[in-house]
């Protein structure tokens, strides 16, 4: 691994939990995002999720982040097991970040309605919107040149939706 693909001494890897949030029709909710401090990164679509707080389980963090970013209330008990564990490095708000991420399938109940979201100050300037995508639409989205985070989400989402555990990986995204 190149030296800049690992965090500097003393920094460590940030823990993050991501949700493959699925509605009863089998569509996946993605956030449309950009980095307001780095316009060169452009725009991309990503899974809801974020940092795991001290003392918090990945499932609890995933549920909290889904509520904060999408408005959907999810009980941590309804967050599926981690089907994909990976390491990633990327630039965000002008700073290189290193994360250990878990990806969980979270299936919404029929009739689930989002409440108001509670984005952080950091997220407020970065979020452009939300959209539901069918697995086939994800492939067309990627083929159109739109960027996804994780980078191979269009290929891997159908496998995750089937409950397949994916091998650990590493991605240098930006």
C-alpha atoms as a PDB file:
ATOM      1  CA  UNK A   1       0.000   0.000   0.000  1.00  0.00           C
ATOM      2  CA  UNK A   2       1.497   3.395  -0.939  1.00  0.00           C
ATOM      3  CA  UNK A   3       2.405   5.554   2.039  1.00  0.00           C
ATOM      4  CA  UNK A   4      -0.415   8.057   1.468  1.00  0.00           C
ATOM      5  CA  UNK A   5      -3.002   5.237   1.382  1.00  0.00           C
ATOM      6  CA  UNK A   6      -2.494   4.789   5.133  1.00  0.00           C
ATOM      7  CA  UNK A   7      -3.125   7.442   7.776  1.00  0.00           C
ATOM      8  CA  UNK A   8      -0.164   9.307   9.220  1.00  0.00           C
ATOM      9  CA  UNK A   9       1.227   8.046  12.525  1.00  0.00           C
ATOM     10  CA  UNK A  10      -1.084   8.872  15.397  1.00  0.00           C
ATOM     11  CA  UNK A  11      -4.159   9.560  13.250  1.00  0.00           C
ATOM     12  CA  UNK A  12      -5.628   6.079  12.777  1.00  0.00           C
ATOM     13  CA  UNK A  13      -8.571   4.908  10.735  1.00  0.00           C
ATOM     14  CA  UNK A  14     -12.004   6.473  11.366  1.00  0.00           C
ATOM     15  CA  UNK A  15     -14.844   3.948  11.767  1.00  0.00           C
ATOM     16  CA  UNK A  16     -17.863   4.505   9.537  1.00  0.00           C
ATOM     17  CA  UNK A  17     -21.152   2.643   8.998  1.00  0.00           C
ATOM     18  CA  UNK A  18     -23.036   2.927   5.699  1.00  0.00           C
ATOM     19  CA  UNK A  19     -26.597   1.876   4.816  1.00  0.00           C
ATOM     20  CA  UNK A  20     -27.818   0.286   1.629  1.00  0.00           C
ATOM     21  CA  UNK A  21     -31.302   1.665   2.391  1.00  0.00           C
ATOM     22  CA  UNK A  22     -33.957  -0.279   0.477  1.00  0.00           C
ATOM     23  CA  UNK A  23     -37.636   0.555   0.031  1.00  0.00           C
ATOM     24  CA  UNK A  24     -40.369  -2.116  -0.377  1.00  0.00           C
ATOM     25  CA  UNK A  25     -40.037  -1.818  -4.191  1.00  0.00           C
ATOM     26  CA  UNK A  26     -36.362  -2.860  -3.965  1.00  0.00           C
ATOM     27  CA  UNK A  27     -34.973   0.574  -4.787  1.00  0.00           C
ATOM     28  CA  UNK A  28     -31.866   1.979  -3.065  1.00  0.00           C
ATOM     29  CA  UNK A  29     -31.685   5.523  -1.654  1.00  0.00           C
ATOM     30  CA  UNK A  30     -28.551   7.506  -2.498  1.00  0.00           C
ATOM     31  CA  UNK A  31     -27.434  10.974  -1.477  1.00  0.00           C
ATOM     32  CA  UNK A  32     -26.317  13.397  -4.192  1.00  0.00           C
ATOM     33  CA  UNK A  33     -23.247  15.146  -2.785  1.00  0.00           C
ATOM     34  CA  UNK A  34     -20.449  17.535  -3.632  1.00  0.00           C
ATOM     35  CA  UNK A  35     -17.512  18.898  -1.654  1.00  0.00           C
ATOM     36  CA  UNK A  36     -18.095  22.654  -1.250  1.00  0.00           C
ATOM     37  CA  UNK A  37     -14.398  23.212  -0.514  1.00  0.00           C
ATOM     38  CA  UNK A  38     -13.119  21.176  -3.472  1.00  0.00           C
ATOM     39  CA  UNK A  39     -15.210  21.827  -6.616  1.00  0.00           C
ATOM     40  CA  UNK A  40     -12.715  19.824  -8.690  1.00  0.00           C
ATOM     41  CA  UNK A  41     -14.142  16.643  -7.146  1.00  0.00           C
ATOM     42  CA  UNK A  42     -17.445  17.301  -8.910  1.00  0.00           C
ATOM     43  CA  UNK A  43     -20.666  15.653  -7.765  1.00  0.00           C
ATOM     44  CA  UNK A  44     -21.348  12.044  -6.850  1.00  0.00           C
ATOM     45  CA  UNK A  45     -23.946   9.672  -5.392  1.00  0.00           C
ATOM     46  CA  UNK A  46     -23.251   7.861  -2.132  1.00  0.00           C
ATOM     47  CA  UNK A  47     -24.798   5.666   0.525  1.00  0.00           C
ATOM     48  CA  UNK A  48     -26.166   7.323   3.657  1.00  0.00           C
ATOM     49  CA  UNK A  49     -23.881   6.799   6.626  1.00  0.00           C
ATOM     50  CA  UNK A  50     -21.077   8.250   8.637  1.00  0.00           C
ATOM     51  CA  UNK A  51     -18.839   8.073  11.646  1.00  0.00           C
ATOM     52  CA  UNK A  52     -19.269   5.645  14.525  1.00  0.00           C
ATOM     53  CA  UNK A  53     -19.218   7.535  17.831  1.00  0.00           C
ATOM     54  CA  UNK A  54     -17.244   6.203  20.837  1.00  0.00           C
ATOM     55  CA  UNK A  55     -19.225   3.429  22.542  1.00  0.00           C
ATOM     56  CA  UNK A  56     -21.638   3.117  19.596  1.00  0.00           C
ATOM     57  CA  UNK A  57     -22.121  -0.097  17.618  1.00  0.00           C
ATOM     58  CA  UNK A  58     -21.892  -0.037  13.840  1.00  0.00           C
ATOM     59  CA  UNK A  59     -25.614  -0.871  13.686  1.00  0.00           C
ATOM     60  CA  UNK A  60     -26.560   2.003  16.029  1.00  0.00           C
ATOM     61  CA  UNK A  61     -24.369   4.414  14.059  1.00  0.00           C
ATOM     62  CA  UNK A  62     -25.928   3.246  10.805  1.00  0.00           C
ATOM     63  CA  UNK A  63     -29.461   3.803  12.169  1.00  0.00           C
ATOM     64  CA  UNK A  64     -28.522   7.240  13.551  1.00  0.00           C
ATOM     65  CA  UNK A  65     -26.905   8.339  10.296  1.00  0.00           C
ATOM     66  CA  UNK A  66     -29.906   7.150   8.245  1.00  0.00           C
ATOM     67  CA  UNK A  67     -32.188   9.269  10.458  1.00  0.00           C
ATOM     68  CA  UNK A  68     -29.902  12.319  10.320  1.00  0.00           C
ATOM     69  CA  UNK A  69     -29.295  12.208   6.572  1.00  0.00           C
ATOM     70  CA  UNK A  70     -32.578  10.855   5.163  1.00  0.00           C
ATOM     71  CA  UNK A  71     -35.215  11.379   7.860  1.00  0.00           C
ATOM     72  CA  UNK A  72     -36.140   7.683   7.981  1.00  0.00           C
ATOM     73  CA  UNK A  73     -36.333   6.361  11.551  1.00  0.00           C
ATOM     74  CA  UNK A  74     -34.628   2.975  11.717  1.00  0.00           C
ATOM     75  CA  UNK A  75     -34.275   0.837  14.822  1.00  0.00           C
ATOM     76  CA  UNK A  76     -30.691  -0.457  15.214  1.00  0.00           C
ATOM     77  CA  UNK A  77     -32.212  -3.948  15.580  1.00  0.00           C
ATOM     78  CA  UNK A  78     -33.483  -3.609  11.988  1.00  0.00           C
ATOM     79  CA  UNK A  79     -30.029  -2.852  10.598  1.00  0.00           C
ATOM     80  CA  UNK A  80     -28.682  -5.948   8.890  1.00  0.00           C
ATOM     81  CA  UNK A  81     -25.254  -7.378   9.664  1.00  0.00           C
ATOM     82  CA  UNK A  82     -22.164  -5.911   8.052  1.00  0.00           C
ATOM     83  CA  UNK A  83     -22.010  -7.562   4.628  1.00  0.00           C
ATOM     84  CA  UNK A  84     -19.007  -5.612   3.456  1.00  0.00           C
ATOM     85  CA  UNK A  85     -16.040  -4.300   5.427  1.00  0.00           C
ATOM     86  CA  UNK A  86     -13.583  -2.153   3.567  1.00  0.00           C
ATOM     87  CA  UNK A  87     -10.968   0.541   3.946  1.00  0.00           C
ATOM     88  CA  UNK A  88     -11.099   3.714   1.921  1.00  0.00           C
ATOM     89  CA  UNK A  89      -9.197   6.940   1.563  1.00  0.00           C
ATOM     90  CA  UNK A  90     -10.599  10.074  -0.015  1.00  0.00           C
ATOM     91  CA  UNK A  91     -10.461  13.861   0.130  1.00  0.00           C
ATOM     92  CA  UNK A  92     -13.287  15.631   1.941  1.00  0.00           C
ATOM     93  CA  UNK A  93     -13.439  19.334   2.805  1.00  0.00           C
ATOM     94  CA  UNK A  94      -9.840  19.796   1.754  1.00  0.00           C
ATOM     95  CA  UNK A  95      -8.467  17.035   3.974  1.00  0.00           C
ATOM     96  CA  UNK A  96      -7.415  13.462   3.166  1.00  0.00           C
ATOM     97  CA  UNK A  97      -9.516  10.975   5.197  1.00  0.00           C
ATOM     98  CA  UNK A  98      -9.017   7.284   6.009  1.00  0.00           C
ATOM     99  CA  UNK A  99     -11.986   5.120   6.974  1.00  0.00           C
ATOM    100  CA  UNK A 100     -12.820   1.567   7.885  1.00  0.00           C
ATOM    101  CA  UNK A 101     -16.370   1.193   6.596  1.00  0.00           C
ATOM    102  CA  UNK A 102     -19.081  -1.375   7.169  1.00  0.00           C
ATOM    103  CA  UNK A 103     -22.010  -1.586   4.748  1.00  0.00           C
ATOM    104  CA  UNK A 104     -25.363  -2.849   6.059  1.00  0.00           C
ATOM    105  CA  UNK A 105     -28.615  -3.576   4.221  1.00  0.00           C
ATOM    106  CA  UNK A 106     -31.504  -1.703   5.863  1.00  0.00           C
ATOM    107  CA  UNK A 107     -34.989  -2.518   4.568  1.00  0.00           C
ATOM    108  CA  UNK A 108     -37.714   0.052   5.176  1.00  0.00           C
ATOM    109  CA  UNK A 109     -41.176  -1.083   6.207  1.00  0.00           C
ATOM    110  CA  UNK A 110     -44.072  -0.426   3.818  1.00  0.00           C
ATOM    111  CA  UNK A 111     -45.467   3.041   4.421  1.00  0.00           C
ATOM    112  CA  UNK A 112     -42.279   4.408   6.003  1.00  0.00           C
ATOM    113  CA  UNK A 113     -42.282   8.196   5.775  1.00  0.00           C
ATOM    114  CA  UNK A 114     -39.224  10.373   6.366  1.00  0.00           C
ATOM    115  CA  UNK A 115     -39.252  13.077   9.020  1.00  0.00           C
ATOM    116  CA  UNK A 116     -37.238  16.259   8.808  1.00  0.00           C
ATOM    117  CA  UNK A 117     -33.514  15.599   8.521  1.00  0.00           C
ATOM    118  CA  UNK A 118     -30.870  16.838  10.930  1.00  0.00           C
ATOM    119  CA  UNK A 119     -27.726  17.310   8.838  1.00  0.00           C
ATOM    120  CA  UNK A 120     -24.573  18.583  10.451  1.00  0.00           C
ATOM    121  CA  UNK A 121     -23.166  21.957   9.396  1.00  0.00           C
ATOM    122  CA  UNK A 122     -20.637  20.055   7.285  1.00  0.00           C
ATOM    123  CA  UNK A 123     -23.406  18.116   5.518  1.00  0.00           C
ATOM    124  CA  UNK A 124     -25.705  21.111   4.952  1.00  0.00           C
ATOM    125  CA  UNK A 125     -23.410  22.646   2.344  1.00  0.00           C
ATOM    126  CA  UNK A 126     -22.606  19.306   0.737  1.00  0.00           C
ATOM    127  CA  UNK A 127     -25.974  17.587   0.249  1.00  0.00           C
ATOM    128  CA  UNK A 128     -27.674  18.298  -3.072  1.00  0.00           C
ATOM    129  CA  UNK A 129     -30.569  15.871  -2.726  1.00  0.00           C
ATOM    130  CA  UNK A 130     -31.769  12.283  -2.400  1.00  0.00           C
ATOM    131  CA  UNK A 131     -33.054   9.833  -4.984  1.00  0.00           C
ATOM    132  CA  UNK A 132     -34.303   6.258  -5.087  1.00  0.00           C
ATOM    133  CA  UNK A 133     -32.582   4.042  -7.686  1.00  0.00           C
ATOM    134  CA  UNK A 134     -33.437   0.541  -8.883  1.00  0.00           C
ATOM    135  CA  UNK A 135     -30.452  -1.816  -9.135  1.00  0.00           C
ATOM    136  CA  UNK A 136     -30.713  -1.576 -12.950  1.00  0.00           C
ATOM    137  CA  UNK A 137     -30.762   2.234 -12.710  1.00  0.00           C
ATOM    138  CA  UNK A 138     -27.498   2.116 -10.737  1.00  0.00           C
ATOM    139  CA  UNK A 139     -25.815   0.408 -13.679  1.00  0.00           C
ATOM    140  CA  UNK A 140     -27.169   3.014 -16.096  1.00  0.00           C
ATOM    141  CA  UNK A 141     -26.105   5.780 -13.703  1.00  0.00           C
ATOM    142  CA  UNK A 142     -22.529   4.503 -13.600  1.00  0.00           C
ATOM    143  CA  UNK A 143     -22.496   3.979 -17.382  1.00  0.00           C
ATOM    144  CA  UNK A 144     -23.553   7.617 -17.849  1.00  0.00           C
ATOM    145  CA  UNK A 145     -20.320   8.762 -16.209  1.00  0.00           C
ATOM    146  CA  UNK A 146     -21.851   9.727 -12.863  1.00  0.00           C
ATOM    147  CA  UNK A 147     -19.597   8.875  -9.922  1.00  0.00           C
ATOM    148  CA  UNK A 148     -20.652   6.545  -7.120  1.00  0.00           C
ATOM    149  CA  UNK A 149     -19.207   6.063  -3.644  1.00  0.00           C
ATOM    150  CA  UNK A 150     -18.248   3.290  -3.125  1.00  0.00           C
ATOM    151  CA  UNK A 151     -16.891   3.280  -6.643  1.00  0.00           C
ATOM    152  CA  UNK A 152     -18.293  -0.109  -7.699  1.00  0.00           C
ATOM    153  CA  UNK A 153     -21.666   0.293  -5.993  1.00  0.00           C
ATOM    154  CA  UNK A 154     -23.532  -0.378  -9.242  1.00  0.00           C
ATOM    155  CA  UNK A 155     -21.881  -3.829  -9.485  1.00  0.00           C
ATOM    156  CA  UNK A 156     -21.990  -4.694  -5.795  1.00  0.00           C
ATOM    157  CA  UNK A 157     -25.455  -3.490  -4.698  1.00  0.00           C
ATOM    158  CA  UNK A 158     -27.301  -6.466  -6.261  1.00  0.00           C
ATOM    159  CA  UNK A 159     -24.983  -8.873  -4.435  1.00  0.00           C
ATOM    160  CA  UNK A 160     -25.508  -7.043  -1.133  1.00  0.00           C
ATOM    161  CA  UNK A 161     -29.281  -7.067  -1.673  1.00  0.00           C
ATOM    162  CA  UNK A 162     -29.095 -10.865  -1.996  1.00  0.00           C
ATOM    163  CA  UNK A 163     -27.339 -10.982   1.394  1.00  0.00           C
ATOM    164  CA  UNK A 164     -23.946 -11.906  -0.030  1.00  0.00           C
ATOM    165  CA  UNK A 165     -20.956 -11.124   2.174  1.00  0.00           C
ATOM    166  CA  UNK A 166     -18.359  -9.316   0.079  1.00  0.00           C
ATOM    167  CA  UNK A 167     -14.606  -9.656   0.534  1.00  0.00           C
ATOM    168  CA  UNK A 168     -12.778  -6.893   2.352  1.00  0.00           C
ATOM    169  CA  UNK A 169     -11.298  -4.309   0.083  1.00  0.00           C
ATOM    170  CA  UNK A 170      -9.501  -1.011  -0.219  1.00  0.00           C
ATOM    171  CA  UNK A 171     -10.463   1.955  -2.381  1.00  0.00           C
ATOM    172  CA  UNK A 172      -8.589   5.153  -3.060  1.00  0.00           C
ATOM    173  CA  UNK A 173     -11.596   7.152  -4.182  1.00  0.00           C
ATOM    174  CA  UNK A 174     -10.292  10.696  -4.605  1.00  0.00           C
END
